[in-house]
Amino acid sequence: MMGARVTDAVEYKQRKEESRGAVAIVRDRRPDRLRWRSAVSKLTQGAGRMRGRTRMRIEEPVREIVLDLGDAILRREVVIDARRHNVDLDRGEVLPFHSMGDLRRFAFLVGADMGVIENYVTLPEDFMAPVDTAACVLVGRAMANHHRRRAQRIWLELPDPEGPEALRQHHRFMADRATQDAELARRWAALAQRLVTPE
């Protein structure tokens, strides 16, 4: 499997239920932000479906690999990817610590709706209690992508302003909605970025 892409090699080992072999492949390959990151995501996705010692035999070695990465951005993104699969590779070493009070303050400053986050993440009542930073970042990014895609879809449906077709009233409503979605996308992206930015 030495000549195979890291993603293919990991997939092959997972199909054969050789999880340790998959971990070894990831450990031996040069980390990068594309294929290597995708391969680690496949590993954590598999680990997220496991329980007990079987899960620990994958999760702990992967965690060690990630913590040893010299690329801080890659380390951060791998941790966030893993959280998408309910695998927690960060125990306070990678992502910044944020309290519930911090999250409320950041959301207020950028104009993001805290109620949306509460729909997807269990948040503490105590203002000083820590929040699940990775989960909150995932929600922020997902909402930013959702509103961005919706704005782009609406804009594509509008007639060309310089074309022969005049803008009608419903076109103006659509343009206003697209602008609102673009602004919401900007706010959610700002919140997600703030959460991964150290104080």
N, C-alpha and C. Protein backbone atom coordinates (compact mmCIF):
# COMPACT_ATOMS: atom_id res chain seq x y z
N MET A 1 0.82 -1.22 0.00
CA MET A 1 0.00 0.00 0.00
C MET A 1 0.85 1.27 0.00
N MET A 2 2.19 1.11 -0.16
CA MET A 2 3.06 2.28 -0.07
C MET A 2 2.80 3.28 -1.18
N GLY A 3 2.45 2.81 -2.39
CA GLY A 3 2.24 3.73 -3.49
C GLY A 3 0.85 4.33 -3.54
N ALA A 4 -0.05 3.83 -2.73
CA ALA A 4 -1.44 4.29 -2.77
C ALA A 4 -1.60 5.62 -2.05
N ARG A 5 -2.61 6.36 -2.47
CA ARG A 5 -2.93 7.60 -1.75
C ARG A 5 -3.33 7.25 -0.33
N VAL A 6 -3.05 8.17 0.58
CA VAL A 6 -3.30 7.88 1.99
C VAL A 6 -4.78 7.62 2.25
N THR A 7 -5.67 8.31 1.56
CA THR A 7 -7.10 8.10 1.76
C THR A 7 -7.51 6.69 1.32
N ASP A 8 -6.98 6.26 0.16
CA ASP A 8 -7.30 4.92 -0.35
C ASP A 8 -6.74 3.84 0.56
N ALA A 9 -5.51 4.05 1.04
CA ALA A 9 -4.87 3.07 1.91
C ALA A 9 -5.65 2.90 3.21
N VAL A 10 -6.09 4.02 3.79
CA VAL A 10 -6.86 3.96 5.04
C VAL A 10 -8.20 3.28 4.80
N GLU A 11 -8.85 3.60 3.68
CA GLU A 11 -10.13 2.97 3.35
C GLU A 11 -9.97 1.45 3.20
N TYR A 12 -8.90 1.05 2.55
CA TYR A 12 -8.63 -0.37 2.34
C TYR A 12 -8.47 -1.09 3.69
N LYS A 13 -7.68 -0.51 4.57
CA LYS A 13 -7.46 -1.12 5.89
C LYS A 13 -8.76 -1.16 6.70
N GLN A 14 -9.57 -0.12 6.58
CA GLN A 14 -10.84 -0.11 7.32
C GLN A 14 -11.79 -1.17 6.80
N ARG A 15 -11.81 -1.37 5.48
CA ARG A 15 -12.67 -2.42 4.92
C ARG A 15 -12.25 -3.80 5.42
N LYS A 16 -10.95 -3.98 5.62
CA LYS A 16 -10.44 -5.25 6.13
C LYS A 16 -10.49 -5.31 7.66
N GLU A 17 -11.05 -4.25 8.27
CA GLU A 17 -11.17 -4.14 9.72
C GLU A 17 -9.80 -4.23 10.41
N GLU A 18 -8.82 -3.58 9.78
CA GLU A 18 -7.48 -3.50 10.34
C GLU A 18 -7.23 -2.05 10.78
N SER A 19 -7.87 -1.69 11.89
CA SER A 19 -7.83 -0.30 12.35
C SER A 19 -6.42 0.14 12.73
N ARG A 20 -5.67 -0.75 13.35
CA ARG A 20 -4.30 -0.39 13.74
C ARG A 20 -3.44 -0.13 12.51
N GLY A 21 -3.66 -0.91 11.47
CA GLY A 21 -2.93 -0.69 10.23
C GLY A 21 -3.27 0.66 9.62
N ALA A 22 -4.54 1.06 9.72
CA ALA A 22 -4.97 2.36 9.20
C ALA A 22 -4.30 3.49 9.98
N VAL A 23 -4.22 3.33 11.30
CA VAL A 23 -3.55 4.33 12.14
C VAL A 23 -2.07 4.42 11.77
N ALA A 24 -1.44 3.27 11.54
CA ALA A 24 -0.02 3.24 11.17
C ALA A 24 0.22 3.97 9.85
N ILE A 25 -0.69 3.81 8.91
CA ILE A 25 -0.56 4.49 7.62
C ILE A 25 -0.59 6.00 7.82
N VAL A 26 -1.53 6.48 8.62
CA VAL A 26 -1.64 7.91 8.88
C VAL A 26 -0.38 8.41 9.58
N ARG A 27 0.14 7.62 10.50
CA ARG A 27 1.34 8.03 11.25
C ARG A 27 2.55 8.14 10.33
N ASP A 28 2.62 7.26 9.32
CA ASP A 28 3.81 7.20 8.47
C ASP A 28 3.79 8.19 7.31
N ARG A 29 2.62 8.71 6.98
CA ARG A 29 2.54 9.63 5.83
C ARG A 29 2.76 11.07 6.28
N ARG A 30 3.21 11.88 5.31
CA ARG A 30 3.45 13.30 5.61
C ARG A 30 2.11 14.03 5.74
N PRO A 31 1.89 14.72 6.87
CA PRO A 31 0.61 15.42 7.06
C PRO A 31 0.44 16.57 6.07
N ASP A 32 -0.75 16.67 5.49
CA ASP A 32 -1.09 17.82 4.65
C ASP A 32 -2.56 18.15 4.87
N ARG A 33 -2.99 19.29 4.36
CA ARG A 33 -4.33 19.79 4.65
C ARG A 33 -5.41 19.23 3.74
N LEU A 34 -5.05 18.34 2.84
CA LEU A 34 -6.05 17.77 1.94
C LEU A 34 -6.23 16.28 2.19
N ARG A 35 -5.42 15.44 1.51
CA ARG A 35 -5.65 13.99 1.60
C ARG A 35 -5.38 13.45 3.00
N TRP A 36 -4.30 13.89 3.63
CA TRP A 36 -3.97 13.37 4.96
C TRP A 36 -5.08 13.73 5.95
N ARG A 37 -5.53 14.97 5.87
CA ARG A 37 -6.64 15.40 6.75
C ARG A 37 -7.89 14.57 6.50
N SER A 38 -8.17 14.30 5.22
CA SER A 38 -9.34 13.48 4.87
C SER A 38 -9.19 12.06 5.41
N ALA A 39 -7.97 11.52 5.35
CA ALA A 39 -7.73 10.17 5.87
C ALA A 39 -7.95 10.11 7.37
N VAL A 40 -7.48 11.13 8.09
CA VAL A 40 -7.70 11.16 9.54
C VAL A 40 -9.19 11.29 9.84
N SER A 41 -9.90 12.06 9.02
CA SER A 41 -11.35 12.19 9.21
C SER A 41 -12.05 10.85 9.04
N LYS A 42 -11.58 10.04 8.08
CA LYS A 42 -12.16 8.70 7.91
C LYS A 42 -11.90 7.82 9.14
N LEU A 43 -10.69 7.96 9.70
CA LEU A 43 -10.37 7.21 10.91
C LEU A 43 -11.28 7.60 12.07
N THR A 44 -11.44 8.90 12.26
CA THR A 44 -12.27 9.34 13.39
C THR A 44 -13.74 9.02 13.15
N GLN A 45 -14.16 9.02 11.89
CA GLN A 45 -15.54 8.63 11.59
C GLN A 45 -15.77 7.18 12.00
N GLY A 46 -14.79 6.33 11.69
CA GLY A 46 -14.89 4.93 12.10
C GLY A 46 -14.86 4.78 13.60
N ALA A 47 -13.98 5.54 14.26
CA ALA A 47 -13.88 5.48 15.73
C ALA A 47 -15.17 5.93 16.39
N GLY A 48 -15.84 6.91 15.78
CA GLY A 48 -17.07 7.44 16.35
C GLY A 48 -18.19 6.42 16.42
N ARG A 49 -18.09 5.36 15.62
CA ARG A 49 -19.11 4.31 15.63
C ARG A 49 -18.77 3.18 16.60
N MET A 50 -17.58 3.27 17.20
CA MET A 50 -17.14 2.19 18.09
C MET A 50 -17.34 2.56 19.55
N ARG A 51 -17.13 1.59 20.41
CA ARG A 51 -17.27 1.80 21.85
C ARG A 51 -16.12 1.11 22.58
N GLY A 52 -15.91 1.54 23.81
CA GLY A 52 -14.98 0.87 24.71
C GLY A 52 -13.55 0.85 24.24
N ARG A 53 -12.86 -0.29 24.52
CA ARG A 53 -11.43 -0.40 24.21
C ARG A 53 -11.14 -0.36 22.72
N THR A 54 -12.06 -0.89 21.93
CA THR A 54 -11.87 -0.87 20.48
C THR A 54 -11.74 0.56 19.99
N ARG A 55 -12.60 1.42 20.51
CA ARG A 55 -12.54 2.83 20.13
C ARG A 55 -11.26 3.48 20.64
N MET A 56 -10.88 3.18 21.87
CA MET A 56 -9.68 3.78 22.44
C MET A 56 -8.43 3.41 21.67
N ARG A 57 -8.41 2.20 21.09
CA ARG A 57 -7.23 1.75 20.34
C ARG A 57 -7.02 2.58 19.06
N ILE A 58 -8.06 3.24 18.61
CA ILE A 58 -7.92 4.14 17.45
C ILE A 58 -7.80 5.58 17.93
N GLU A 59 -8.70 5.97 18.83
CA GLU A 59 -8.80 7.37 19.24
C GLU A 59 -7.51 7.89 19.88
N GLU A 60 -6.93 7.13 20.80
CA GLU A 60 -5.75 7.61 21.52
C GLU A 60 -4.52 7.76 20.63
N PRO A 61 -4.19 6.77 19.77
CA PRO A 61 -3.05 6.97 18.86
C PRO A 61 -3.26 8.15 17.90
N VAL A 62 -4.49 8.31 17.40
CA VAL A 62 -4.77 9.43 16.49
C VAL A 62 -4.61 10.75 17.24
N ARG A 63 -5.08 10.78 18.46
CA ARG A 63 -4.93 11.99 19.28
C ARG A 63 -3.45 12.36 19.45
N GLU A 64 -2.61 11.38 19.70
CA GLU A 64 -1.17 11.63 19.86
C GLU A 64 -0.57 12.17 18.57
N ILE A 65 -0.97 11.58 17.43
CA ILE A 65 -0.48 12.05 16.14
C ILE A 65 -0.86 13.51 15.93
N VAL A 66 -2.11 13.83 16.21
CA VAL A 66 -2.62 15.18 15.99
C VAL A 66 -1.91 16.19 16.89
N LEU A 67 -1.71 15.83 18.15
CA LEU A 67 -1.06 16.76 19.08
C LEU A 67 0.39 17.03 18.69
N ASP A 68 1.02 16.10 17.97
CA ASP A 68 2.42 16.26 17.55
C ASP A 68 2.56 17.06 16.26
N LEU A 69 1.45 17.42 15.63
CA LEU A 69 1.54 18.15 14.36
C LEU A 69 2.17 19.53 14.56
N GLY A 70 3.04 19.89 13.63
CA GLY A 70 3.66 21.21 13.70
C GLY A 70 2.80 22.31 13.08
N ASP A 71 1.85 21.93 12.25
CA ASP A 71 0.96 22.88 11.58
C ASP A 71 -0.25 23.14 12.49
N ALA A 72 -0.29 24.33 13.09
CA ALA A 72 -1.35 24.65 14.06
C ALA A 72 -2.74 24.66 13.41
N ILE A 73 -2.83 25.14 12.17
CA ILE A 73 -4.13 25.19 11.49
C ILE A 73 -4.62 23.78 11.17
N LEU A 74 -3.71 22.94 10.67
CA LEU A 74 -4.09 21.55 10.39
C LEU A 74 -4.52 20.85 11.67
N ARG A 75 -3.79 21.05 12.74
CA ARG A 75 -4.13 20.43 14.04
C ARG A 75 -5.54 20.86 14.47
N ARG A 76 -5.81 22.15 14.35
CA ARG A 76 -7.13 22.67 14.73
C ARG A 76 -8.24 22.08 13.87
N GLU A 77 -8.03 22.02 12.56
CA GLU A 77 -9.07 21.54 11.66
C GLU A 77 -9.33 20.05 11.83
N VAL A 78 -8.29 19.28 12.11
CA VAL A 78 -8.48 17.83 12.34
C VAL A 78 -9.30 17.61 13.60
N VAL A 79 -9.04 18.41 14.63
CA VAL A 79 -9.81 18.31 15.88
C VAL A 79 -11.28 18.64 15.63
N ILE A 80 -11.54 19.68 14.84
CA ILE A 80 -12.93 20.07 14.54
C ILE A 80 -13.61 19.01 13.67
N ASP A 81 -12.87 18.46 12.68
CA ASP A 81 -13.42 17.37 11.86
C ASP A 81 -13.83 16.19 12.74
N ALA A 82 -12.97 15.84 13.69
CA ALA A 82 -13.25 14.69 14.56
C ALA A 82 -14.50 14.93 15.39
N ARG A 83 -14.68 16.16 15.83
CA ARG A 83 -15.86 16.48 16.65
C ARG A 83 -17.16 16.27 15.88
N ARG A 84 -17.08 16.43 14.56
CA ARG A 84 -18.26 16.18 13.71
C ARG A 84 -18.71 14.73 13.83
N HIS A 85 -17.76 13.84 14.13
CA HIS A 85 -18.06 12.41 14.28
C HIS A 85 -18.15 12.00 15.75
N ASN A 86 -18.34 12.99 16.63
CA ASN A 86 -18.46 12.74 18.08
C ASN A 86 -17.20 12.13 18.69
N VAL A 87 -16.05 12.50 18.13
CA VAL A 87 -14.77 12.08 18.68
C VAL A 87 -14.06 13.34 19.18
N ASP A 88 -13.65 13.33 20.44
CA ASP A 88 -13.02 14.50 21.04
C ASP A 88 -11.52 14.27 21.16
N LEU A 89 -10.76 14.87 20.24
CA LEU A 89 -9.30 14.73 20.27
C LEU A 89 -8.64 15.84 21.08
N ASP A 90 -9.43 16.80 21.51
CA ASP A 90 -8.89 17.96 22.22
C ASP A 90 -9.31 17.94 23.68
N ARG A 91 -8.33 17.98 24.56
CA ARG A 91 -8.63 18.06 26.00
C ARG A 91 -8.06 19.35 26.56
N GLY A 92 -8.20 20.40 25.79
CA GLY A 92 -7.73 21.71 26.22
C GLY A 92 -6.40 22.13 25.63
N GLU A 93 -5.81 21.29 24.75
CA GLU A 93 -4.49 21.63 24.21
C GLU A 93 -4.55 22.36 22.86
N VAL A 94 -5.66 22.23 22.13
CA VAL A 94 -5.69 22.72 20.75
C VAL A 94 -6.57 23.95 20.58
N LEU A 95 -7.84 23.83 20.89
CA LEU A 95 -8.77 24.94 20.70
C LEU A 95 -8.78 25.85 21.93
N PRO A 96 -9.05 27.14 21.72
CA PRO A 96 -9.10 28.06 22.86
C PRO A 96 -10.24 27.70 23.82
N PHE A 97 -10.01 27.96 25.11
CA PHE A 97 -11.06 27.77 26.11
C PHE A 97 -12.02 28.95 26.04
N HIS A 98 -13.32 28.66 26.03
CA HIS A 98 -14.33 29.72 26.07
C HIS A 98 -15.42 29.32 27.06
N SER A 99 -15.83 30.28 27.84
CA SER A 99 -16.92 30.05 28.79
C SER A 99 -18.25 30.37 28.11
N MET A 100 -19.33 30.04 28.80
CA MET A 100 -20.67 30.37 28.29
C MET A 100 -20.81 31.89 28.15
N GLY A 101 -20.24 32.62 29.07
CA GLY A 101 -20.27 34.09 28.98
C GLY A 101 -19.55 34.60 27.75
N ASP A 102 -18.39 33.98 27.44
CA ASP A 102 -17.66 34.36 26.22
C ASP A 102 -18.50 34.12 24.98
N LEU A 103 -19.12 32.95 24.92
CA LEU A 103 -19.93 32.60 23.75
C LEU A 103 -21.07 33.59 23.57
N ARG A 104 -21.75 33.92 24.66
CA ARG A 104 -22.86 34.89 24.57
C ARG A 104 -22.35 36.26 24.10
N ARG A 105 -21.19 36.65 24.60
CA ARG A 105 -20.63 37.95 24.22
C ARG A 105 -20.24 37.96 22.74
N PHE A 106 -19.57 36.90 22.28
CA PHE A 106 -19.17 36.83 20.88
C PHE A 106 -20.40 36.86 19.96
N ALA A 107 -21.42 36.06 20.32
CA ALA A 107 -22.63 36.00 19.50
C ALA A 107 -23.31 37.36 19.43
N PHE A 108 -23.35 38.06 20.56
CA PHE A 108 -23.97 39.40 20.59
C PHE A 108 -23.19 40.37 19.71
N LEU A 109 -21.85 40.34 19.80
CA LEU A 109 -21.03 41.29 19.06
C LEU A 109 -21.14 41.10 17.54
N VAL A 110 -21.27 39.86 17.08
CA VAL A 110 -21.36 39.64 15.63
C VAL A 110 -22.81 39.59 15.15
N GLY A 111 -23.77 39.50 16.08
CA GLY A 111 -25.17 39.46 15.70
C GLY A 111 -25.68 38.09 15.33
N ALA A 112 -25.09 37.04 15.94
CA ALA A 112 -25.55 35.66 15.67
C ALA A 112 -26.60 35.27 16.71
N ASP A 113 -27.51 34.39 16.33
CA ASP A 113 -28.62 33.98 17.18
C ASP A 113 -28.20 32.81 18.07
N MET A 114 -28.09 33.05 19.37
CA MET A 114 -27.71 32.00 20.31
C MET A 114 -28.70 30.84 20.31
N GLY A 115 -29.96 31.14 20.04
CA GLY A 115 -30.98 30.10 20.02
C GLY A 115 -30.68 29.01 19.00
N VAL A 116 -30.07 29.38 17.90
CA VAL A 116 -29.72 28.40 16.87
C VAL A 116 -28.66 27.44 17.41
N ILE A 117 -27.66 27.97 18.09
CA ILE A 117 -26.61 27.12 18.66
C ILE A 117 -27.22 26.16 19.68
N GLU A 118 -28.14 26.67 20.50
CA GLU A 118 -28.77 25.83 21.54
C GLU A 118 -29.58 24.69 20.94
N ASN A 119 -30.01 24.83 19.68
CA ASN A 119 -30.74 23.74 19.01
C ASN A 119 -29.85 22.54 18.73
N TYR A 120 -28.54 22.77 18.64
CA TYR A 120 -27.62 21.70 18.23
C TYR A 120 -26.57 21.33 19.27
N VAL A 121 -26.30 22.22 20.21
CA VAL A 121 -25.24 21.99 21.19
C VAL A 121 -25.82 22.15 22.59
N THR A 122 -25.50 21.24 23.48
CA THR A 122 -25.92 21.37 24.88
C THR A 122 -25.02 22.40 25.55
N LEU A 123 -25.62 23.50 25.96
CA LEU A 123 -24.85 24.60 26.55
C LEU A 123 -25.11 24.68 28.06
N PRO A 124 -24.07 25.03 28.83
CA PRO A 124 -24.26 25.14 30.29
C PRO A 124 -25.05 26.40 30.66
N GLU A 125 -25.64 26.38 31.83
CA GLU A 125 -26.36 27.57 32.31
C GLU A 125 -25.41 28.55 33.00
N ASP A 126 -24.37 28.02 33.64
CA ASP A 126 -23.40 28.85 34.35
C ASP A 126 -22.54 29.63 33.36
N PHE A 127 -22.46 30.94 33.52
CA PHE A 127 -21.70 31.80 32.62
C PHE A 127 -20.21 31.46 32.61
N MET A 128 -19.70 30.92 33.70
CA MET A 128 -18.27 30.63 33.80
C MET A 128 -17.93 29.21 33.32
N ALA A 129 -18.94 28.39 33.08
CA ALA A 129 -18.71 27.00 32.66
C ALA A 129 -18.20 26.96 31.22
N PRO A 130 -17.33 25.99 30.90
CA PRO A 130 -16.80 25.91 29.53
C PRO A 130 -17.84 25.41 28.54
N VAL A 131 -17.74 25.87 27.31
CA VAL A 131 -18.60 25.38 26.24
C VAL A 131 -17.79 24.44 25.36
N ASP A 132 -18.48 23.63 24.59
CA ASP A 132 -17.84 22.73 23.62
C ASP A 132 -17.48 23.59 22.40
N THR A 133 -16.26 24.09 22.41
CA THR A 133 -15.84 25.03 21.36
C THR A 133 -15.95 24.42 19.97
N ALA A 134 -15.47 23.19 19.80
CA ALA A 134 -15.49 22.56 18.47
C ALA A 134 -16.91 22.42 17.95
N ALA A 135 -17.84 22.01 18.81
CA ALA A 135 -19.23 21.86 18.38
C ALA A 135 -19.84 23.21 17.98
N CYS A 136 -19.53 24.24 18.74
CA CYS A 136 -20.05 25.58 18.42
C CYS A 136 -19.46 26.10 17.11
N VAL A 137 -18.20 25.80 16.86
CA VAL A 137 -17.58 26.19 15.58
C VAL A 137 -18.28 25.46 14.43
N LEU A 138 -18.57 24.19 14.60
CA LEU A 138 -19.25 23.42 13.55
C LEU A 138 -20.61 24.02 13.23
N VAL A 139 -21.35 24.41 14.27
CA VAL A 139 -22.66 25.04 14.03
C VAL A 139 -22.49 26.36 13.30
N GLY A 140 -21.53 27.18 13.74
CA GLY A 140 -21.29 28.46 13.09
C GLY A 140 -20.94 28.30 11.61
N ARG A 141 -20.05 27.36 11.31
CA ARG A 141 -19.66 27.14 9.92
C ARG A 141 -20.81 26.59 9.09
N ALA A 142 -21.57 25.68 9.67
CA ALA A 142 -22.70 25.10 8.94
C ALA A 142 -23.74 26.17 8.61
N MET A 143 -24.02 27.04 9.58
CA MET A 143 -25.00 28.11 9.34
C MET A 143 -24.47 29.11 8.31
N ALA A 144 -23.18 29.42 8.38
CA ALA A 144 -22.58 30.33 7.39
C ALA A 144 -22.71 29.75 5.99
N ASN A 145 -22.40 28.46 5.85
CA ASN A 145 -22.50 27.81 4.53
C ASN A 145 -23.94 27.75 4.04
N HIS A 146 -24.87 27.46 4.96
CA HIS A 146 -26.29 27.39 4.59
C HIS A 146 -26.78 28.72 4.04
N HIS A 147 -26.51 29.81 4.76
CA HIS A 147 -26.98 31.13 4.31
C HIS A 147 -26.24 31.60 3.06
N ARG A 148 -24.96 31.26 2.95
CA ARG A 148 -24.19 31.65 1.76
C ARG A 148 -24.74 30.96 0.51
N ARG A 149 -25.00 29.65 0.63
CA ARG A 149 -25.53 28.91 -0.52
C ARG A 149 -26.91 29.44 -0.91
N ARG A 150 -27.73 29.75 0.09
CA ARG A 150 -29.08 30.25 -0.22
C ARG A 150 -29.01 31.61 -0.91
N ALA A 151 -28.12 32.49 -0.45
CA ALA A 151 -27.97 33.80 -1.09
C ALA A 151 -27.51 33.63 -2.54
N GLN A 152 -26.54 32.75 -2.76
CA GLN A 152 -26.03 32.55 -4.12
C GLN A 152 -27.10 31.97 -5.04
N ARG A 153 -27.90 31.04 -4.49
CA ARG A 153 -28.97 30.44 -5.30
C ARG A 153 -29.99 31.50 -5.72
N ILE A 154 -30.34 32.40 -4.80
CA ILE A 154 -31.31 33.46 -5.12
C ILE A 154 -30.72 34.41 -6.15
N TRP A 155 -29.47 34.81 -5.97
CA TRP A 155 -28.85 35.74 -6.91
C TRP A 155 -28.80 35.16 -8.33
N LEU A 156 -28.59 33.84 -8.42
CA LEU A 156 -28.54 33.21 -9.73
C LEU A 156 -29.90 33.20 -10.42
N GLU A 157 -30.97 33.28 -9.64
CA GLU A 157 -32.33 33.29 -10.21
C GLU A 157 -32.76 34.68 -10.67
N LEU A 158 -32.03 35.70 -10.24
CA LEU A 158 -32.41 37.07 -10.60
C LEU A 158 -31.97 37.40 -12.02
N PRO A 159 -32.75 38.22 -12.74
CA PRO A 159 -32.32 38.64 -14.09
C PRO A 159 -31.11 39.56 -14.00
N ASP A 160 -30.35 39.58 -15.07
CA ASP A 160 -29.16 40.44 -15.13
C ASP A 160 -29.60 41.90 -15.05
N PRO A 161 -29.07 42.67 -14.08
CA PRO A 161 -29.48 44.08 -13.96
C PRO A 161 -29.19 44.90 -15.22
N GLU A 162 -28.19 44.47 -16.00
CA GLU A 162 -27.86 45.20 -17.23
C GLU A 162 -28.51 44.58 -18.46
N GLY A 163 -29.33 43.53 -18.24
CA GLY A 163 -29.99 42.86 -19.36
C GLY A 163 -31.28 43.56 -19.75
N PRO A 164 -31.98 43.01 -20.74
CA PRO A 164 -33.21 43.64 -21.25
C PRO A 164 -34.40 43.51 -20.29
N GLU A 165 -34.39 42.47 -19.43
CA GLU A 165 -35.53 42.25 -18.55
C GLU A 165 -35.46 43.16 -17.34
N ALA A 166 -36.56 43.91 -17.12
CA ALA A 166 -36.60 44.84 -15.98
C ALA A 166 -36.83 44.07 -14.67
N LEU A 167 -36.26 44.58 -13.60
CA LEU A 167 -36.48 43.97 -12.28
C LEU A 167 -37.91 44.24 -11.83
N ARG A 168 -38.62 43.19 -11.48
CA ARG A 168 -39.99 43.36 -10.99
C ARG A 168 -39.98 43.40 -9.48
N GLN A 169 -41.17 43.61 -8.91
CA GLN A 169 -41.27 43.75 -7.46
C GLN A 169 -40.78 42.49 -6.73
N HIS A 170 -41.17 41.32 -7.22
CA HIS A 170 -40.76 40.09 -6.55
C HIS A 170 -39.25 39.86 -6.68
N HIS A 171 -38.66 40.40 -7.77
CA HIS A 171 -37.21 40.32 -7.90
C HIS A 171 -36.52 41.14 -6.82
N ARG A 172 -37.09 42.29 -6.51
CA ARG A 172 -36.51 43.13 -5.46
C ARG A 172 -36.61 42.45 -4.10
N PHE A 173 -37.76 41.78 -3.87
CA PHE A 173 -37.90 41.03 -2.62
C PHE A 173 -36.84 39.92 -2.54
N MET A 174 -36.64 39.24 -3.67
CA MET A 174 -35.63 38.17 -3.70
C MET A 174 -34.23 38.73 -3.45
N ALA A 175 -33.94 39.89 -4.07
CA ALA A 175 -32.61 40.50 -3.88
C ALA A 175 -32.40 40.90 -2.43
N ASP A 176 -33.47 41.41 -1.80
CA ASP A 176 -33.37 41.78 -0.37
C ASP A 176 -33.11 40.54 0.47
N ARG A 177 -33.80 39.44 0.13
CA ARG A 177 -33.61 38.20 0.90
C ARG A 177 -32.19 37.67 0.73
N ALA A 178 -31.68 37.75 -0.49
CA ALA A 178 -30.31 37.29 -0.73
C ALA A 178 -29.31 38.13 0.05
N THR A 179 -29.55 39.42 0.12
CA THR A 179 -28.66 40.31 0.88
C THR A 179 -28.71 39.97 2.37
N GLN A 180 -29.91 39.68 2.87
CA GLN A 180 -30.05 39.29 4.28
C GLN A 180 -29.30 37.98 4.56
N ASP A 181 -29.45 37.02 3.65
CA ASP A 181 -28.75 35.74 3.83
C ASP A 181 -27.24 35.93 3.79
N ALA A 182 -26.76 36.78 2.89
CA ALA A 182 -25.32 37.04 2.81
C ALA A 182 -24.81 37.65 4.10
N GLU A 183 -25.61 38.54 4.68
CA GLU A 183 -25.21 39.17 5.95
C GLU A 183 -25.22 38.15 7.09
N LEU A 184 -26.22 37.27 7.11
CA LEU A 184 -26.24 36.22 8.14
C LEU A 184 -25.06 35.27 7.98
N ALA A 185 -24.71 34.97 6.74
CA ALA A 185 -23.53 34.12 6.49
C ALA A 185 -22.28 34.78 7.05
N ARG A 186 -22.16 36.08 6.82
CA ARG A 186 -20.99 36.81 7.32
C ARG A 186 -20.94 36.76 8.85
N ARG A 187 -22.09 36.92 9.50
CA ARG A 187 -22.13 36.91 10.97
C ARG A 187 -21.74 35.56 11.54
N TRP A 188 -22.30 34.49 10.96
CA TRP A 188 -21.98 33.15 11.46
C TRP A 188 -20.52 32.79 11.21
N ALA A 189 -20.00 33.19 10.06
CA ALA A 189 -18.58 32.93 9.77
C ALA A 189 -17.70 33.69 10.75
N ALA A 190 -18.10 34.92 11.10
CA ALA A 190 -17.32 35.72 12.06
C ALA A 190 -17.33 35.07 13.44
N LEU A 191 -18.48 34.50 13.84
CA LEU A 191 -18.55 33.83 15.14
C LEU A 191 -17.65 32.60 15.15
N ALA A 192 -17.73 31.79 14.11
CA ALA A 192 -16.90 30.58 14.05
C ALA A 192 -15.42 30.93 14.09
N GLN A 193 -15.05 32.00 13.35
CA GLN A 193 -13.64 32.41 13.34
C GLN A 193 -13.20 32.93 14.71
N ARG A 194 -14.09 33.66 15.36
CA ARG A 194 -13.74 34.20 16.68
C ARG A 194 -13.53 33.08 17.69
N LEU A 195 -14.30 32.02 17.57
CA LEU A 195 -14.18 30.92 18.52
C LEU A 195 -12.85 30.16 18.40
N VAL A 196 -12.25 30.17 17.21
CA VAL A 196 -10.98 29.47 17.05
C VAL A 196 -9.78 30.40 17.19
N THR A 197 -10.05 31.69 17.43
CA THR A 197 -8.96 32.66 17.58
C THR A 197 -8.59 32.81 19.04
N PRO A 198 -7.34 32.54 19.40
CA PRO A 198 -6.93 32.69 20.82
C PRO A 198 -7.06 34.14 21.27
N GLU A 199 -7.30 34.31 22.56
CA GLU A 199 -7.41 35.66 23.14
C GLU A 199 -6.09 36.41 22.99
